[in-house]
Amino acid sequence: MESSYIATEEQRGNALKLIQALEQLTGKQKEVIFLRYFEELSYEEISVLTNISVKSLYKLNNRAMATLITFLTFVIAQR
């Protein structure tokens, strides 16, 4: 029972960190991350929806991921 509680609390903590990391992104970066990873759309599908070229979407995604990695690495290092 106690280990289940600890696991739940850890998941909540991780979710909070992810939300904080996502808040570091620009609006377009958030949109690309949401459509790509949560809605599981291809870059071509996202391009049609957003009227942004596929090449630009790759750049937006890469910058967003770099921001997320940097933020989360910093948060974890502070533990």
PDB file of N, CA and C in Angstrom:
ATOM      1  N   MET A   1       0.828  -1.190   0.000  1.00  0.00           N
ATOM      2  CA  MET A   1       0.000   0.000   0.000  1.00  0.00           C
ATOM      3  C   MET A   1       0.874   1.256   0.000  1.00  0.00           C
ATOM      4  N   GLU A   2       1.893   1.259   0.830  1.00  0.00           N
ATOM      5  CA  GLU A   2       2.780   2.416   0.928  1.00  0.00           C
ATOM      6  C   GLU A   2       3.557   2.626  -0.372  1.00  0.00           C
ATOM      7  N   SER A   3       4.010   1.560  -0.991  1.00  0.00           N
ATOM      8  CA  SER A   3       4.765   1.687  -2.243  1.00  0.00           C
ATOM      9  C   SER A   3       3.867   2.221  -3.360  1.00  0.00           C
ATOM     10  N   SER A   4       2.595   1.877  -3.346  1.00  0.00           N
ATOM     11  CA  SER A   4       1.649   2.397  -4.326  1.00  0.00           C
ATOM     12  C   SER A   4       1.472   3.903  -4.144  1.00  0.00           C
ATOM     13  N   TYR A   5       1.386   4.340  -2.901  1.00  0.00           N
ATOM     14  CA  TYR A   5       1.252   5.766  -2.601  1.00  0.00           C
ATOM     15  C   TYR A   5       2.494   6.525  -3.068  1.00  0.00           C
ATOM     16  N   ILE A   6       3.656   5.972  -2.794  1.00  0.00           N
ATOM     17  CA  ILE A   6       4.914   6.609  -3.185  1.00  0.00           C
ATOM     18  C   ILE A   6       4.998   6.706  -4.714  1.00  0.00           C
ATOM     19  N   ALA A   7       4.609   5.654  -5.401  1.00  0.00           N
ATOM     20  CA  ALA A   7       4.632   5.661  -6.864  1.00  0.00           C
ATOM     21  C   ALA A   7       3.686   6.714  -7.416  1.00  0.00           C
ATOM     22  N   THR A   8       2.507   6.836  -6.819  1.00  0.00           N
ATOM     23  CA  THR A   8       1.533   7.834  -7.259  1.00  0.00           C
ATOM     24  C   THR A   8       2.080   9.242  -7.051  1.00  0.00           C
ATOM     25  N   GLU A   9       2.687   9.491  -5.918  1.00  0.00           N
ATOM     26  CA  GLU A   9       3.260  10.799  -5.628  1.00  0.00           C
ATOM     27  C   GLU A   9       4.410  11.119  -6.580  1.00  0.00           C
ATOM     28  N   GLU A  10       5.202  10.123  -6.903  1.00  0.00           N
ATOM     29  CA  GLU A  10       6.307  10.315  -7.842  1.00  0.00           C
ATOM     30  C   GLU A  10       5.769  10.664  -9.230  1.00  0.00           C
ATOM     31  N   GLN A  11       4.703   9.991  -9.647  1.00  0.00           N
ATOM     32  CA  GLN A  11       4.090  10.291 -10.939  1.00  0.00           C
ATOM     33  C   GLN A  11       3.541  11.717 -10.962  1.00  0.00           C
ATOM     34  N   ARG A  12       2.938  12.141  -9.881  1.00  0.00           N
ATOM     35  CA  ARG A  12       2.425  13.519  -9.795  1.00  0.00           C
ATOM     36  C   ARG A  12       3.564  14.525  -9.897  1.00  0.00           C
ATOM     37  N   GLY A  13       4.656  14.228  -9.215  1.00  0.00           N
ATOM     38  CA  GLY A  13       5.821  15.107  -9.272  1.00  0.00           C
ATOM     39  C   GLY A  13       6.386  15.197 -10.674  1.00  0.00           C
ATOM     40  N   ASN A  14       6.461  14.068 -11.353  1.00  0.00           N
ATOM     41  CA  ASN A  14       6.958  14.056 -12.726  1.00  0.00           C
ATOM     42  C   ASN A  14       6.027  14.815 -13.659  1.00  0.00           C
ATOM     43  N   ALA A  15       4.725  14.664 -13.468  1.00  0.00           N
ATOM     44  CA  ALA A  15       3.750  15.380 -14.290  1.00  0.00           C
ATOM     45  C   ALA A  15       3.890  16.883 -14.083  1.00  0.00           C
ATOM     46  N   LEU A  16       4.091  17.306 -12.848  1.00  0.00           N
ATOM     47  CA  LEU A  16       4.269  18.726 -12.548  1.00  0.00           C
ATOM     48  C   LEU A  16       5.526  19.265 -13.226  1.00  0.00           C
ATOM     49  N   LYS A  17       6.608  18.508 -13.185  1.00  0.00           N
ATOM     50  CA  LYS A  17       7.849  18.928 -13.842  1.00  0.00           C
ATOM     51  C   LYS A  17       7.647  19.048 -15.345  1.00  0.00           C
ATOM     52  N   LEU A  18       6.926  18.117 -15.925  1.00  0.00           N
ATOM     53  CA  LEU A  18       6.668  18.174 -17.359  1.00  0.00           C
ATOM     54  C   LEU A  18       5.835  19.395 -17.714  1.00  0.00           C
ATOM     55  N   ILE A  19       4.828  19.701 -16.918  1.00  0.00           N
ATOM     56  CA  ILE A  19       3.999  20.891 -17.149  1.00  0.00           C
ATOM     57  C   ILE A  19       4.856  22.154 -17.061  1.00  0.00           C
ATOM     58  N   GLN A  20       5.721  22.210 -16.058  1.00  0.00           N
ATOM     59  CA  GLN A  20       6.607  23.370 -15.913  1.00  0.00           C
ATOM     60  C   GLN A  20       7.544  23.484 -17.115  1.00  0.00           C
ATOM     61  N   ALA A  21       8.023  22.352 -17.599  1.00  0.00           N
ATOM     62  CA  ALA A  21       8.912  22.366 -18.761  1.00  0.00           C
ATOM     63  C   ALA A  21       8.162  22.844 -19.999  1.00  0.00           C
ATOM     64  N   LEU A  22       6.944  22.379 -20.187  1.00  0.00           N
ATOM     65  CA  LEU A  22       6.149  22.786 -21.345  1.00  0.00           C
ATOM     66  C   LEU A  22       5.832  24.283 -21.312  1.00  0.00           C
ATOM     67  N   GLU A  23       5.742  24.855 -20.131  1.00  0.00           N
ATOM     68  CA  GLU A  23       5.486  26.287 -19.995  1.00  0.00           C
ATOM     69  C   GLU A  23       6.655  27.128 -20.504  1.00  0.00           C
ATOM     70  N   GLN A  24       7.826  26.518 -20.664  1.00  0.00           N
ATOM     71  CA  GLN A  24       9.005  27.224 -21.159  1.00  0.00           C
ATOM     72  C   GLN A  24       8.964  27.404 -22.679  1.00  0.00           C
ATOM     73  N   LEU A  25       8.069  26.699 -23.349  1.00  0.00           N
ATOM     74  CA  LEU A  25       8.010  26.712 -24.812  1.00  0.00           C
ATOM     75  C   LEU A  25       7.163  27.865 -25.335  1.00  0.00           C
ATOM     76  N   THR A  26       7.441  28.239 -26.584  1.00  0.00           N
ATOM     77  CA  THR A  26       6.602  29.234 -27.252  1.00  0.00           C
ATOM     78  C   THR A  26       5.283  28.568 -27.645  1.00  0.00           C
ATOM     79  N   GLY A  27       4.326  29.364 -28.036  1.00  0.00           N
ATOM     80  CA  GLY A  27       3.025  28.837 -28.438  1.00  0.00           C
ATOM     81  C   GLY A  27       3.123  27.868 -29.605  1.00  0.00           C
ATOM     82  N   LYS A  28       3.901  28.207 -30.617  1.00  0.00           N
ATOM     83  CA  LYS A  28       4.049  27.339 -31.781  1.00  0.00           C
ATOM     84  C   LYS A  28       4.755  26.040 -31.403  1.00  0.00           C
ATOM     85  N   GLN A  29       5.751  26.137 -30.529  1.00  0.00           N
ATOM     86  CA  GLN A  29       6.454  24.931 -30.087  1.00  0.00           C
ATOM     87  C   GLN A  29       5.507  24.008 -29.332  1.00  0.00           C
ATOM     88  N   LYS A  30       4.692  24.569 -28.457  1.00  0.00           N
ATOM     89  CA  LYS A  30       3.707  23.769 -27.719  1.00  0.00           C
ATOM     90  C   LYS A  30       2.751  23.076 -28.676  1.00  0.00           C
ATOM     91  N   GLU A  31       2.307  23.827 -29.675  1.00  0.00           N
ATOM     92  CA  GLU A  31       1.367  23.273 -30.643  1.00  0.00           C
ATOM     93  C   GLU A  31       1.980  22.088 -31.389  1.00  0.00           C
ATOM     94  N   VAL A  32       3.221  22.246 -31.831  1.00  0.00           N
ATOM     95  CA  VAL A  32       3.891  21.167 -32.556  1.00  0.00           C
ATOM     96  C   VAL A  32       4.085  19.955 -31.651  1.00  0.00           C
ATOM     97  N   ILE A  33       4.526  20.170 -30.431  1.00  0.00           N
ATOM     98  CA  ILE A  33       4.721  19.057 -29.485  1.00  0.00           C
ATOM     99  C   ILE A  33       3.391  18.350 -29.243  1.00  0.00           C
ATOM    100  N   PHE A  34       2.330  19.100 -29.009  1.00  0.00           N
ATOM    101  CA  PHE A  34       1.026  18.503 -28.755  1.00  0.00           C
ATOM    102  C   PHE A  34       0.558  17.673 -29.950  1.00  0.00           C
ATOM    103  N   LEU A  35       0.613  18.265 -31.128  1.00  0.00           N
ATOM    104  CA  LEU A  35       0.132  17.558 -32.314  1.00  0.00           C
ATOM    105  C   LEU A  35       0.993  16.338 -32.650  1.00  0.00           C
ATOM    106  N   ARG A  36       2.299  16.479 -32.478  1.00  0.00           N
ATOM    107  CA  ARG A  36       3.207  15.389 -32.846  1.00  0.00           C
ATOM    108  C   ARG A  36       3.158  14.241 -31.836  1.00  0.00           C
ATOM    109  N   TYR A  37       3.243  14.544 -30.557  1.00  0.00           N
ATOM    110  CA  TYR A  37       3.420  13.492 -29.551  1.00  0.00           C
ATOM    111  C   TYR A  37       2.141  13.100 -28.819  1.00  0.00           C
ATOM    112  N   PHE A  38       1.202  14.011 -28.686  1.00  0.00           N
ATOM    113  CA  PHE A  38      -0.035  13.668 -27.999  1.00  0.00           C
ATOM    114  C   PHE A  38      -1.124  13.233 -28.981  1.00  0.00           C
ATOM    115  N   GLU A  39      -1.187  13.908 -30.120  1.00  0.00           N
ATOM    116  CA  GLU A  39      -2.163  13.537 -31.147  1.00  0.00           C
ATOM    117  C   GLU A  39      -1.577  12.536 -32.153  1.00  0.00           C
ATOM    118  N   GLU A  40      -0.253  12.358 -32.098  1.00  0.00           N
ATOM    119  CA  GLU A  40       0.486  11.409 -32.939  1.00  0.00           C
ATOM    120  C   GLU A  40       0.294  11.656 -34.436  1.00  0.00           C
ATOM    121  N   LEU A  41       0.293  12.936 -34.821  1.00  0.00           N
ATOM    122  CA  LEU A  41       0.186  13.293 -36.224  1.00  0.00           C
ATOM    123  C   LEU A  41       1.577  13.316 -36.856  1.00  0.00           C
ATOM    124  N   SER A  42       1.637  13.079 -38.149  1.00  0.00           N
ATOM    125  CA  SER A  42       2.902  13.167 -38.879  1.00  0.00           C
ATOM    126  C   SER A  42       3.231  14.642 -39.115  1.00  0.00           C
ATOM    127  N   TYR A  43       4.474  14.896 -39.488  1.00  0.00           N
ATOM    128  CA  TYR A  43       4.858  16.273 -39.792  1.00  0.00           C
ATOM    129  C   TYR A  43       4.074  16.803 -40.991  1.00  0.00           C
ATOM    130  N   GLU A  44       3.792  15.938 -41.933  1.00  0.00           N
ATOM    131  CA  GLU A  44       3.016  16.345 -43.107  1.00  0.00           C
ATOM    132  C   GLU A  44       1.596  16.756 -42.708  1.00  0.00           C
ATOM    133  N   GLU A  45       0.980  15.995 -41.810  1.00  0.00           N
ATOM    134  CA  GLU A  45      -0.366  16.335 -41.332  1.00  0.00           C
ATOM    135  C   GLU A  45      -0.359  17.645 -40.546  1.00  0.00           C
ATOM    136  N   ILE A  46       0.654  17.817 -39.726  1.00  0.00           N
ATOM    137  CA  ILE A  46       0.775  19.051 -38.941  1.00  0.00           C
ATOM    138  C   ILE A  46       0.977  20.237 -39.874  1.00  0.00           C
ATOM    139  N   SER A  47       1.755  20.032 -40.922  1.00  0.00           N
ATOM    140  CA  SER A  47       2.004  21.086 -41.898  1.00  0.00           C
ATOM    141  C   SER A  47       0.700  21.572 -42.528  1.00  0.00           C
ATOM    142  N   VAL A  48      -0.178  20.649 -42.861  1.00  0.00           N
ATOM    143  CA  VAL A  48      -1.466  21.015 -43.453  1.00  0.00           C
ATOM    144  C   VAL A  48      -2.315  21.790 -42.441  1.00  0.00           C
ATOM    145  N   LEU A  49      -2.320  21.336 -41.210  1.00  0.00           N
ATOM    146  CA  LEU A  49      -3.144  21.984 -40.180  1.00  0.00           C
ATOM    147  C   LEU A  49      -2.656  23.386 -39.814  1.00  0.00           C
ATOM    148  N   THR A  50      -1.340  23.542 -39.758  1.00  0.00           N
ATOM    149  CA  THR A  50      -0.772  24.791 -39.251  1.00  0.00           C
ATOM    150  C   THR A  50      -0.292  25.744 -40.336  1.00  0.00           C
ATOM    151  N   ASN A  51      -0.244  25.251 -41.572  1.00  0.00           N
ATOM    152  CA  ASN A  51       0.284  26.042 -42.686  1.00  0.00           C
ATOM    153  C   ASN A  51       1.744  26.438 -42.447  1.00  0.00           C
ATOM    154  N   ILE A  52       2.495  25.528 -41.843  1.00  0.00           N
ATOM    155  CA  ILE A  52       3.926  25.702 -41.609  1.00  0.00           C
ATOM    156  C   ILE A  52       4.629  24.596 -42.397  1.00  0.00           C
ATOM    157  N   SER A  53       5.732  24.937 -43.046  1.00  0.00           N
ATOM    158  CA  SER A  53       6.428  23.934 -43.850  1.00  0.00           C
ATOM    159  C   SER A  53       6.960  22.808 -42.968  1.00  0.00           C
ATOM    160  N   VAL A  54       7.117  21.655 -43.565  1.00  0.00           N
ATOM    161  CA  VAL A  54       7.622  20.495 -42.833  1.00  0.00           C
ATOM    162  C   VAL A  54       9.015  20.792 -42.272  1.00  0.00           C
ATOM    163  N   LYS A  55       9.853  21.429 -43.071  1.00  0.00           N
ATOM    164  CA  LYS A  55      11.204  21.777 -42.614  1.00  0.00           C
ATOM    165  C   LYS A  55      11.151  22.669 -41.376  1.00  0.00           C
ATOM    166  N   SER A  56      10.271  23.657 -41.383  1.00  0.00           N
ATOM    167  CA  SER A  56      10.117  24.551 -40.226  1.00  0.00           C
ATOM    168  C   SER A  56       9.581  23.799 -39.011  1.00  0.00           C
ATOM    169  N   LEU A  57       8.709  22.826 -39.257  1.00  0.00           N
ATOM    170  CA  LEU A  57       8.183  22.018 -38.153  1.00  0.00           C
ATOM    171  C   LEU A  57       9.287  21.206 -37.491  1.00  0.00           C
ATOM    172  N   TYR A  58      10.180  20.643 -38.304  1.00  0.00           N
ATOM    173  CA  TYR A  58      11.312  19.908 -37.748  1.00  0.00           C
ATOM    174  C   TYR A  58      12.162  20.828 -36.864  1.00  0.00           C
ATOM    175  N   LYS A  59      12.402  22.048 -37.346  1.00  0.00           N
ATOM    176  CA  LYS A  59      13.187  23.010 -36.566  1.00  0.00           C
ATOM    177  C   LYS A  59      12.485  23.382 -35.266  1.00  0.00           C
ATOM    178  N   LEU A  60      11.176  23.656 -35.358  1.00  0.00           N
ATOM    179  CA  LEU A  60      10.400  23.986 -34.155  1.00  0.00           C
ATOM    180  C   LEU A  60      10.452  22.844 -33.149  1.00  0.00           C
ATOM    181  N   ASN A  61      10.264  21.628 -33.645  1.00  0.00           N
ATOM    182  CA  ASN A  61      10.293  20.461 -32.769  1.00  0.00           C
ATOM    183  C   ASN A  61      11.662  20.304 -32.117  1.00  0.00           C
ATOM    184  N   ASN A  62      12.723  20.438 -32.899  1.00  0.00           N
ATOM    185  CA  ASN A  62      14.068  20.281 -32.343  1.00  0.00           C
ATOM    186  C   ASN A  62      14.377  21.335 -31.284  1.00  0.00           C
ATOM    187  N   ARG A  63      13.975  22.563 -31.541  1.00  0.00           N
ATOM    188  CA  ARG A  63      14.199  23.622 -30.547  1.00  0.00           C
ATOM    189  C   ARG A  63      13.373  23.376 -29.283  1.00  0.00           C
ATOM    190  N   ALA A  64      12.153  22.923 -29.468  1.00  0.00           N
ATOM    191  CA  ALA A  64      11.300  22.624 -28.315  1.00  0.00           C
ATOM    192  C   ALA A  64      11.894  21.497 -27.484  1.00  0.00           C
ATOM    193  N   MET A  65      12.345  20.448 -28.151  1.00  0.00           N
ATOM    194  CA  MET A  65      12.929  19.318 -27.424  1.00  0.00           C
ATOM    195  C   MET A  65      14.203  19.740 -26.690  1.00  0.00           C
ATOM    196  N   ALA A  66      15.009  20.578 -27.319  1.00  0.00           N
ATOM    197  CA  ALA A  66      16.228  21.066 -26.665  1.00  0.00           C
ATOM    198  C   ALA A  66      15.878  21.872 -25.416  1.00  0.00           C
ATOM    199  N   THR A  67      14.850  22.699 -25.512  1.00  0.00           N
ATOM    200  CA  THR A  67      14.400  23.488 -24.362  1.00  0.00           C
ATOM    201  C   THR A  67      13.914  22.574 -23.243  1.00  0.00           C
ATOM    202  N   LEU A  68      13.122  21.576 -23.595  1.00  0.00           N
ATOM    203  CA  LEU A  68      12.604  20.635 -22.598  1.00  0.00           C
ATOM    204  C   LEU A  68      13.737  19.883 -21.913  1.00  0.00           C
ATOM    205  N   ILE A  69      14.685  19.405 -22.705  1.00  0.00           N
ATOM    206  CA  ILE A  69      15.820  18.657 -22.143  1.00  0.00           C
ATOM    207  C   ILE A  69      16.624  19.541 -21.209  1.00  0.00           C
ATOM    208  N   THR A  70      16.905  20.760 -21.641  1.00  0.00           N
ATOM    209  CA  THR A  70      17.676  21.686 -20.804  1.00  0.00           C
ATOM    210  C   THR A  70      16.950  21.966 -19.496  1.00  0.00           C
ATOM    211  N   PHE A  71      15.670  22.269 -19.570  1.00  0.00           N
ATOM    212  CA  PHE A  71      14.896  22.583 -18.368  1.00  0.00           C
ATOM    213  C   PHE A  71      14.837  21.387 -17.428  1.00  0.00           C
ATOM    214  N   LEU A  72      14.499  20.221 -17.965  1.00  0.00           N
ATOM    215  CA  LEU A  72      14.370  19.040 -17.114  1.00  0.00           C
ATOM    216  C   LEU A  72      15.703  18.609 -16.530  1.00  0.00           C
ATOM    217  N   THR A  73      16.779  18.763 -17.275  1.00  0.00           N
ATOM    218  CA  THR A  73      18.115  18.451 -16.756  1.00  0.00           C
ATOM    219  C   THR A  73      18.436  19.372 -15.585  1.00  0.00           C
ATOM    220  N   PHE A  74      18.105  20.639 -15.715  1.00  0.00           N
ATOM    221  CA  PHE A  74      18.342  21.613 -14.642  1.00  0.00           C
ATOM    222  C   PHE A  74      17.524  21.257 -13.402  1.00  0.00           C
ATOM    223  N   VAL A  75      16.256  20.902 -13.590  1.00  0.00           N
ATOM    224  CA  VAL A  75      15.373  20.547 -12.465  1.00  0.00           C
ATOM    225  C   VAL A  75      15.897  19.321 -11.760  1.00  0.00           C
ATOM    226  N   ILE A  76      16.300  18.320 -12.520  1.00  0.00           N
ATOM    227  CA  ILE A  76      16.800  17.068 -11.922  1.00  0.00           C
ATOM    228  C   ILE A  76      18.105  17.314 -11.186  1.00  0.00           C
ATOM    229  N   ALA A  77      18.955  18.172 -11.730  1.00  0.00           N
ATOM    230  CA  ALA A  77      20.259  18.475 -11.102  1.00  0.00           C
ATOM    231  C   ALA A  77      20.089  19.171  -9.764  1.00  0.00           C
ATOM    232  N   GLN A  78      18.969  19.875  -9.580  1.00  0.00           N
ATOM    233  CA  GLN A  78      18.733  20.584  -8.321  1.00  0.00           C
ATOM    234  C   GLN A  78      18.283  19.682  -7.193  1.00  0.00           C
ATOM    235  N   ARG A  79      17.973  18.452  -7.482  1.00  0.00           N
ATOM    236  CA  ARG A  79      17.502  17.517  -6.441  1.00  0.00           C
ATOM    237  C   ARG A  79      18.486  17.341  -5.363  1.00  0.00           C
TER     238      ARG A  79
END
